Amino acid sequence: MKLLKASFVLIILATLSSCGVYYSQDYTLIKIGMTTEEVIAIAGKPIQIVAAKKYDDGILEIYEYPSRPFRTDTLLNWYNFIDNKLEEWGPKEQYITSDYDRYYKKHRKNRR
């Protein structure tokens, strides 16, 4: 009987605690100009690196994060870094390789 009660209590606790896993990313903490290390300290590791490309005068990296961690049905956000500095972030886009070049040139031009 004790084993049955203990099992029932564990099942109830597991069910209730699983509801606390959901949370949204606090985007107020993410600021343009942050380093990749600062973003990772706030948002955690990205679920993937979408792109990484080295140019003659710098490096472009695009990290992918879910807007609601631990959910498979969530909006994905891309964090775009140039030379280890966050230049832009927002909803995931479907880029083709030439779009990376255009994006990089746009932000390099704005930094000069």
N, C-alpha and C. Protein backbone atom coordinates (compact mmCIF):
# COMPACT_ATOMS: atom_id res chain seq x y z
N MET A 1 0.81 -1.19 0.00
CA MET A 1 0.00 0.00 0.00
C MET A 1 0.86 1.26 0.00
N LYS A 2 1.97 1.23 0.78
CA LYS A 2 2.86 2.39 0.82
C LYS A 2 3.49 2.64 -0.55
N LEU A 3 3.83 1.57 -1.24
CA LEU A 3 4.42 1.72 -2.57
C LEU A 3 3.42 2.34 -3.54
N LEU A 4 2.17 1.97 -3.43
CA LEU A 4 1.13 2.53 -4.29
C LEU A 4 0.94 4.02 -4.02
N LYS A 5 0.91 4.41 -2.73
CA LYS A 5 0.78 5.82 -2.38
C LYS A 5 1.99 6.62 -2.86
N ALA A 6 3.18 6.08 -2.66
CA ALA A 6 4.41 6.77 -3.07
C ALA A 6 4.43 6.94 -4.59
N SER A 7 4.02 5.92 -5.32
CA SER A 7 3.97 6.01 -6.78
C SER A 7 2.98 7.07 -7.23
N PHE A 8 1.82 7.11 -6.59
CA PHE A 8 0.80 8.09 -6.92
C PHE A 8 1.31 9.51 -6.67
N VAL A 9 1.96 9.73 -5.56
CA VAL A 9 2.50 11.05 -5.22
C VAL A 9 3.57 11.45 -6.24
N LEU A 10 4.44 10.53 -6.62
CA LEU A 10 5.49 10.84 -7.60
C LEU A 10 4.89 11.19 -8.96
N ILE A 11 3.86 10.49 -9.35
CA ILE A 11 3.20 10.78 -10.63
C ILE A 11 2.58 12.18 -10.60
N ILE A 12 1.92 12.51 -9.52
CA ILE A 12 1.30 13.84 -9.38
C ILE A 12 2.38 14.92 -9.40
N LEU A 13 3.45 14.75 -8.66
CA LEU A 13 4.54 15.73 -8.64
C LEU A 13 5.18 15.90 -10.00
N ALA A 14 5.41 14.81 -10.71
CA ALA A 14 6.00 14.88 -12.05
C ALA A 14 5.09 15.63 -13.00
N THR A 15 3.80 15.38 -12.92
CA THR A 15 2.84 16.05 -13.78
C THR A 15 2.79 17.54 -13.50
N LEU A 16 2.73 17.92 -12.25
CA LEU A 16 2.65 19.34 -11.88
C LEU A 16 3.96 20.08 -12.17
N SER A 17 5.08 19.44 -11.95
CA SER A 17 6.36 20.12 -12.18
C SER A 17 6.64 20.31 -13.67
N SER A 18 6.09 19.47 -14.53
CA SER A 18 6.32 19.63 -15.96
C SER A 18 5.65 20.90 -16.49
N CYS A 19 4.65 21.42 -15.80
CA CYS A 19 3.99 22.66 -16.24
C CYS A 19 4.89 23.86 -16.03
N GLY A 20 5.86 23.77 -15.13
CA GLY A 20 6.74 24.89 -14.86
C GLY A 20 7.90 25.01 -15.83
N VAL A 21 8.04 24.12 -16.79
CA VAL A 21 9.15 24.15 -17.72
C VAL A 21 8.98 25.26 -18.76
N TYR A 22 7.76 25.62 -19.09
CA TYR A 22 7.50 26.62 -20.12
C TYR A 22 7.89 28.02 -19.64
N TYR A 23 8.67 28.73 -20.45
CA TYR A 23 8.94 30.14 -20.23
C TYR A 23 9.36 30.75 -21.55
N SER A 24 9.19 32.06 -21.65
CA SER A 24 9.57 32.77 -22.87
C SER A 24 10.93 33.42 -22.67
N GLN A 25 11.64 33.60 -23.76
CA GLN A 25 12.91 34.30 -23.72
C GLN A 25 12.67 35.75 -23.34
N ASP A 26 13.43 36.31 -22.44
CA ASP A 26 13.31 37.71 -22.05
C ASP A 26 14.16 38.55 -23.01
N TYR A 27 13.53 39.04 -24.07
CA TYR A 27 14.25 39.78 -25.10
C TYR A 27 14.72 41.15 -24.63
N THR A 28 14.24 41.62 -23.51
CA THR A 28 14.69 42.93 -23.02
C THR A 28 16.15 42.89 -22.59
N LEU A 29 16.67 41.71 -22.35
CA LEU A 29 18.07 41.59 -21.93
C LEU A 29 19.04 41.54 -23.11
N ILE A 30 18.54 41.26 -24.31
CA ILE A 30 19.39 41.15 -25.50
C ILE A 30 19.53 42.53 -26.12
N LYS A 31 20.77 42.96 -26.31
CA LYS A 31 21.04 44.29 -26.85
C LYS A 31 21.98 44.19 -28.06
N ILE A 32 21.73 45.05 -29.04
CA ILE A 32 22.62 45.13 -30.21
C ILE A 32 24.02 45.52 -29.71
N GLY A 33 25.02 44.89 -30.28
CA GLY A 33 26.40 45.16 -29.88
C GLY A 33 26.96 44.17 -28.87
N MET A 34 26.08 43.32 -28.31
CA MET A 34 26.56 42.31 -27.37
C MET A 34 27.45 41.30 -28.10
N THR A 35 28.36 40.70 -27.38
CA THR A 35 29.20 39.65 -27.95
C THR A 35 28.44 38.34 -27.96
N THR A 36 28.95 37.36 -28.71
CA THR A 36 28.30 36.05 -28.73
C THR A 36 28.29 35.45 -27.32
N GLU A 37 29.35 35.66 -26.57
CA GLU A 37 29.44 35.11 -25.22
C GLU A 37 28.38 35.73 -24.31
N GLU A 38 28.13 37.03 -24.45
CA GLU A 38 27.11 37.69 -23.63
C GLU A 38 25.71 37.18 -23.98
N VAL A 39 25.44 36.99 -25.26
CA VAL A 39 24.13 36.47 -25.67
C VAL A 39 23.95 35.05 -25.16
N ILE A 40 24.98 34.22 -25.29
CA ILE A 40 24.89 32.83 -24.82
C ILE A 40 24.69 32.79 -23.31
N ALA A 41 25.30 33.71 -22.57
CA ALA A 41 25.12 33.75 -21.12
C ALA A 41 23.66 34.04 -20.75
N ILE A 42 22.96 34.81 -21.58
CA ILE A 42 21.57 35.15 -21.31
C ILE A 42 20.62 34.10 -21.90
N ALA A 43 20.82 33.76 -23.18
CA ALA A 43 19.87 32.91 -23.91
C ALA A 43 20.25 31.43 -23.92
N GLY A 44 21.44 31.10 -23.49
CA GLY A 44 21.90 29.71 -23.55
C GLY A 44 22.51 29.40 -24.90
N LYS A 45 22.87 28.15 -25.08
CA LYS A 45 23.46 27.74 -26.36
C LYS A 45 22.39 27.77 -27.45
N PRO A 46 22.77 28.17 -28.67
CA PRO A 46 21.80 28.15 -29.76
C PRO A 46 21.45 26.71 -30.11
N ILE A 47 20.26 26.51 -30.73
CA ILE A 47 19.91 25.16 -31.12
C ILE A 47 20.70 24.74 -32.36
N GLN A 48 21.15 25.74 -33.13
CA GLN A 48 22.07 25.46 -34.23
C GLN A 48 22.69 26.75 -34.71
N ILE A 49 23.83 26.62 -35.39
CA ILE A 49 24.44 27.75 -36.08
C ILE A 49 24.01 27.62 -37.53
N VAL A 50 23.18 28.55 -37.97
CA VAL A 50 22.58 28.50 -39.30
C VAL A 50 23.63 28.75 -40.37
N ALA A 51 24.53 29.71 -40.12
CA ALA A 51 25.55 30.05 -41.10
C ALA A 51 26.76 30.61 -40.39
N ALA A 52 27.90 30.39 -41.00
CA ALA A 52 29.15 30.99 -40.56
C ALA A 52 29.99 31.15 -41.81
N LYS A 53 30.40 32.39 -42.07
CA LYS A 53 31.16 32.65 -43.28
C LYS A 53 32.22 33.69 -43.00
N LYS A 54 33.43 33.40 -43.46
CA LYS A 54 34.54 34.33 -43.29
C LYS A 54 34.71 35.16 -44.55
N TYR A 55 34.81 36.47 -44.36
CA TYR A 55 35.06 37.41 -45.45
C TYR A 55 36.47 37.97 -45.26
N ASP A 56 36.96 38.71 -46.23
CA ASP A 56 38.29 39.30 -46.12
C ASP A 56 38.41 40.25 -44.93
N ASP A 57 37.32 40.92 -44.58
CA ASP A 57 37.37 41.91 -43.51
C ASP A 57 36.51 41.57 -42.30
N GLY A 58 36.09 40.32 -42.15
CA GLY A 58 35.32 39.94 -40.97
C GLY A 58 34.62 38.61 -41.12
N ILE A 59 33.83 38.28 -40.10
CA ILE A 59 33.13 36.99 -40.03
C ILE A 59 31.66 37.22 -39.73
N LEU A 60 30.79 36.53 -40.46
CA LEU A 60 29.35 36.53 -40.23
C LEU A 60 28.97 35.19 -39.61
N GLU A 61 28.17 35.24 -38.53
CA GLU A 61 27.61 34.03 -37.92
C GLU A 61 26.15 34.28 -37.62
N ILE A 62 25.30 33.27 -37.87
CA ILE A 62 23.88 33.38 -37.58
C ILE A 62 23.51 32.20 -36.68
N TYR A 63 23.03 32.53 -35.47
CA TYR A 63 22.63 31.53 -34.48
C TYR A 63 21.10 31.46 -34.46
N GLU A 64 20.59 30.25 -34.21
CA GLU A 64 19.14 30.05 -34.16
C GLU A 64 18.72 29.70 -32.73
N TYR A 65 17.70 30.41 -32.25
CA TYR A 65 17.15 30.19 -30.91
C TYR A 65 15.63 30.07 -30.99
N PRO A 66 15.04 29.21 -30.17
CA PRO A 66 13.58 29.18 -30.09
C PRO A 66 13.10 30.35 -29.23
N SER A 67 11.95 30.92 -29.58
CA SER A 67 11.42 32.01 -28.75
C SER A 67 10.86 31.47 -27.43
N ARG A 68 10.46 30.21 -27.44
CA ARG A 68 9.98 29.55 -26.22
C ARG A 68 10.73 28.24 -26.08
N PRO A 69 11.81 28.22 -25.28
CA PRO A 69 12.58 26.99 -25.12
C PRO A 69 11.72 25.81 -24.66
N PHE A 70 12.13 24.63 -25.04
CA PHE A 70 11.49 23.38 -24.67
C PHE A 70 10.16 23.16 -25.37
N ARG A 71 9.87 23.95 -26.41
CA ARG A 71 8.65 23.77 -27.19
C ARG A 71 9.03 23.52 -28.64
N THR A 72 8.46 22.54 -29.26
CA THR A 72 8.76 22.24 -30.65
C THR A 72 7.92 23.07 -31.62
N ASP A 73 6.83 23.66 -31.13
CA ASP A 73 5.93 24.42 -32.00
C ASP A 73 6.15 25.93 -31.87
N THR A 74 7.36 26.35 -31.62
CA THR A 74 7.64 27.75 -31.33
C THR A 74 8.27 28.48 -32.52
N LEU A 75 8.13 29.78 -32.51
CA LEU A 75 8.78 30.63 -33.49
C LEU A 75 10.29 30.59 -33.27
N LEU A 76 11.05 30.53 -34.35
CA LEU A 76 12.51 30.52 -34.24
C LEU A 76 13.05 31.92 -34.54
N ASN A 77 14.05 32.33 -33.79
CA ASN A 77 14.69 33.62 -33.99
C ASN A 77 16.14 33.41 -34.40
N TRP A 78 16.61 34.28 -35.27
CA TRP A 78 18.00 34.26 -35.70
C TRP A 78 18.72 35.46 -35.12
N TYR A 79 19.89 35.20 -34.56
CA TYR A 79 20.76 36.23 -34.01
C TYR A 79 21.94 36.34 -34.96
N ASN A 80 22.11 37.52 -35.56
CA ASN A 80 23.13 37.74 -36.59
C ASN A 80 24.32 38.49 -35.99
N PHE A 81 25.47 37.83 -36.00
CA PHE A 81 26.69 38.41 -35.45
C PHE A 81 27.67 38.71 -36.57
N ILE A 82 28.30 39.87 -36.50
CA ILE A 82 29.41 40.19 -37.39
C ILE A 82 30.59 40.54 -36.49
N ASP A 83 31.68 39.83 -36.70
CA ASP A 83 32.89 40.01 -35.89
C ASP A 83 32.58 39.94 -34.40
N ASN A 84 31.78 38.92 -34.02
CA ASN A 84 31.48 38.63 -32.62
C ASN A 84 30.61 39.69 -31.95
N LYS A 85 29.93 40.53 -32.73
CA LYS A 85 29.03 41.54 -32.18
C LYS A 85 27.63 41.33 -32.77
N LEU A 86 26.61 41.38 -31.92
CA LEU A 86 25.24 41.22 -32.38
C LEU A 86 24.82 42.45 -33.18
N GLU A 87 24.47 42.24 -34.44
CA GLU A 87 24.04 43.33 -35.32
C GLU A 87 22.53 43.39 -35.48
N GLU A 88 21.88 42.21 -35.37
CA GLU A 88 20.44 42.16 -35.64
C GLU A 88 19.91 40.83 -35.11
N TRP A 89 18.66 40.81 -34.68
CA TRP A 89 18.00 39.56 -34.34
C TRP A 89 16.52 39.71 -34.62
N GLY A 90 15.89 38.56 -34.89
CA GLY A 90 14.48 38.57 -35.19
C GLY A 90 14.03 37.23 -35.71
N PRO A 91 12.79 37.16 -36.23
CA PRO A 91 12.24 35.88 -36.70
C PRO A 91 13.09 35.24 -37.79
N LYS A 92 13.11 33.93 -37.77
CA LYS A 92 13.86 33.14 -38.73
C LYS A 92 13.46 33.49 -40.16
N GLU A 93 14.45 33.53 -41.03
CA GLU A 93 14.20 33.76 -42.45
C GLU A 93 14.85 32.63 -43.24
N GLN A 94 14.37 32.42 -44.43
CA GLN A 94 14.96 31.43 -45.31
C GLN A 94 15.91 32.13 -46.27
N TYR A 95 17.16 32.19 -45.90
CA TYR A 95 18.15 32.81 -46.75
C TYR A 95 18.71 31.82 -47.75
N ILE A 96 19.19 32.34 -48.86
CA ILE A 96 20.03 31.56 -49.76
C ILE A 96 21.43 32.14 -49.61
N THR A 97 22.43 31.44 -50.07
CA THR A 97 23.81 31.83 -49.83
C THR A 97 24.10 33.26 -50.24
N SER A 98 23.59 33.73 -51.37
CA SER A 98 23.86 35.10 -51.80
C SER A 98 23.25 36.13 -50.84
N ASP A 99 22.18 35.76 -50.11
CA ASP A 99 21.59 36.67 -49.13
C ASP A 99 22.53 36.93 -47.97
N TYR A 100 23.34 35.95 -47.58
CA TYR A 100 24.31 36.15 -46.52
C TYR A 100 25.30 37.24 -46.93
N ASP A 101 25.75 37.19 -48.17
CA ASP A 101 26.69 38.19 -48.66
C ASP A 101 26.06 39.59 -48.63
N ARG A 102 24.83 39.70 -49.09
CA ARG A 102 24.13 40.98 -49.10
C ARG A 102 23.95 41.50 -47.68
N TYR A 103 23.56 40.63 -46.76
CA TYR A 103 23.37 41.02 -45.37
C TYR A 103 24.69 41.50 -44.77
N TYR A 104 25.76 40.76 -45.01
CA TYR A 104 27.06 41.12 -44.45
C TYR A 104 27.50 42.49 -44.98
N LYS A 105 27.38 42.70 -46.27
CA LYS A 105 27.81 43.97 -46.87
C LYS A 105 26.99 45.13 -46.32
N LYS A 106 25.70 44.93 -46.10
CA LYS A 106 24.84 45.98 -45.55
C LYS A 106 25.35 46.42 -44.18
N HIS A 107 25.64 45.47 -43.31
CA HIS A 107 26.07 45.82 -41.95
C HIS A 107 27.51 46.30 -41.90
N ARG A 108 28.36 45.80 -42.75
CA ARG A 108 29.75 46.30 -42.79
C ARG A 108 29.75 47.75 -43.23
N LYS A 109 28.92 48.10 -44.20
CA LYS A 109 28.84 49.47 -44.69
C LYS A 109 28.37 50.40 -43.58
N ASN A 110 27.41 49.95 -42.77
CA ASN A 110 26.88 50.77 -41.69
C ASN A 110 27.87 50.96 -40.55
N ARG A 111 28.85 50.09 -40.40
CA ARG A 111 29.83 50.18 -39.31
C ARG A 111 30.98 51.11 -39.62
N ARG A 112 31.15 51.47 -40.88
CA ARG A 112 32.29 52.32 -41.27
C ARG A 112 31.96 53.77 -41.17
